[in-house]
Amino acid sequence: MNSLEVLNLYSPHQETLSSLLESRTQKNLDKECLLFENKRSYSWKEFHSWVCGLSHFLSSKKIQKGT
């Protein structure tokens, strides 16, 4: 499968990291996304949840684009 065929497996996103993560998560909810030190794996759902939590934390500290 070439790169374009792989990209076409997923819904289009708005060229932001958050929309890219969202489109991949919807398609791969329980599939492995991240393997840490060959010991602990995280699904797309778990990774998405962690990223959302981090985003909310950073927002609560007034950390945003450009700061």
Protein backbone atom coordinates (compact mmCIF):
# COMPACT_ATOMS: atom_id res chain seq x y z
CA MET A 1 0.00 0.00 0.00
CA ASN A 2 1.43 3.40 -0.91
CA SER A 3 1.26 6.56 1.20
CA LEU A 4 -1.74 8.03 -0.61
CA GLU A 5 -3.71 4.80 -0.20
CA VAL A 6 -3.01 4.83 3.54
CA LEU A 7 -4.11 8.46 3.84
CA ASN A 8 -7.32 7.68 1.97
CA LEU A 9 -8.26 5.16 4.66
CA TYR A 10 -8.98 8.05 7.03
CA SER A 11 -11.46 10.88 6.93
CA PRO A 12 -10.08 14.27 5.97
CA HIS A 13 -8.89 16.54 8.77
CA GLN A 14 -8.39 20.29 9.05
CA GLU A 15 -4.59 20.13 8.87
CA THR A 16 -4.21 20.52 12.64
CA LEU A 17 -2.73 18.01 15.04
CA SER A 18 -5.96 17.79 17.01
CA SER A 19 -8.08 17.07 13.94
CA LEU A 20 -5.51 14.54 12.71
CA LEU A 21 -5.59 12.77 16.07
CA GLU A 22 -9.39 12.82 16.08
CA SER A 23 -9.70 11.28 12.60
CA ARG A 24 -7.18 8.53 13.41
CA THR A 25 -8.81 7.79 16.76
CA GLN A 26 -12.27 7.39 15.20
CA LYS A 27 -10.93 4.78 12.79
CA ASN A 28 -8.62 2.90 15.19
CA LEU A 29 -10.26 3.28 18.60
CA ASP A 30 -8.94 0.11 20.25
CA LYS A 31 -5.88 -0.48 18.06
CA GLU A 32 -2.39 0.12 19.38
CA CYS A 33 -1.18 3.68 18.92
CA LEU A 34 1.91 3.85 21.07
CA LEU A 35 4.30 1.29 22.51
CA PHE A 36 6.44 2.54 25.40
CA GLU A 37 9.78 0.83 25.98
CA ASN A 38 8.40 -2.42 24.56
CA LYS A 39 6.43 -2.87 27.79
CA ARG A 40 3.29 -0.76 27.84
CA SER A 41 1.04 -0.13 24.88
CA TYR A 42 -1.65 2.51 24.57
CA SER A 43 -4.67 2.37 22.29
CA TRP A 44 -5.73 5.32 20.17
CA LYS A 45 -8.60 5.86 22.62
CA GLU A 46 -6.23 5.97 25.62
CA PHE A 47 -3.78 8.26 23.83
CA HIS A 48 -6.58 10.59 22.71
CA SER A 49 -7.89 10.76 26.27
CA TRP A 50 -4.40 11.61 27.59
CA VAL A 51 -3.91 14.31 24.94
CA CYS A 52 -7.30 15.87 25.76
CA GLY A 53 -6.44 15.87 29.47
CA LEU A 54 -3.11 17.54 28.77
CA SER A 55 -4.80 20.10 26.55
CA HIS A 56 -7.31 20.99 29.27
CA PHE A 57 -4.53 21.23 31.86
CA LEU A 58 -2.46 23.57 29.67
CA SER A 59 -5.55 25.70 28.95
CA SER A 60 -6.28 25.95 32.67
CA LYS A 61 -2.77 27.36 33.14
CA LYS A 62 -3.45 29.91 30.35
CA ILE A 63 -0.89 28.20 28.11
CA GLN A 64 -1.98 28.57 24.53
CA LYS A 65 -0.72 29.05 21.00
CA GLY A 66 1.97 31.72 20.92
CA THR A 67 2.87 31.58 24.61
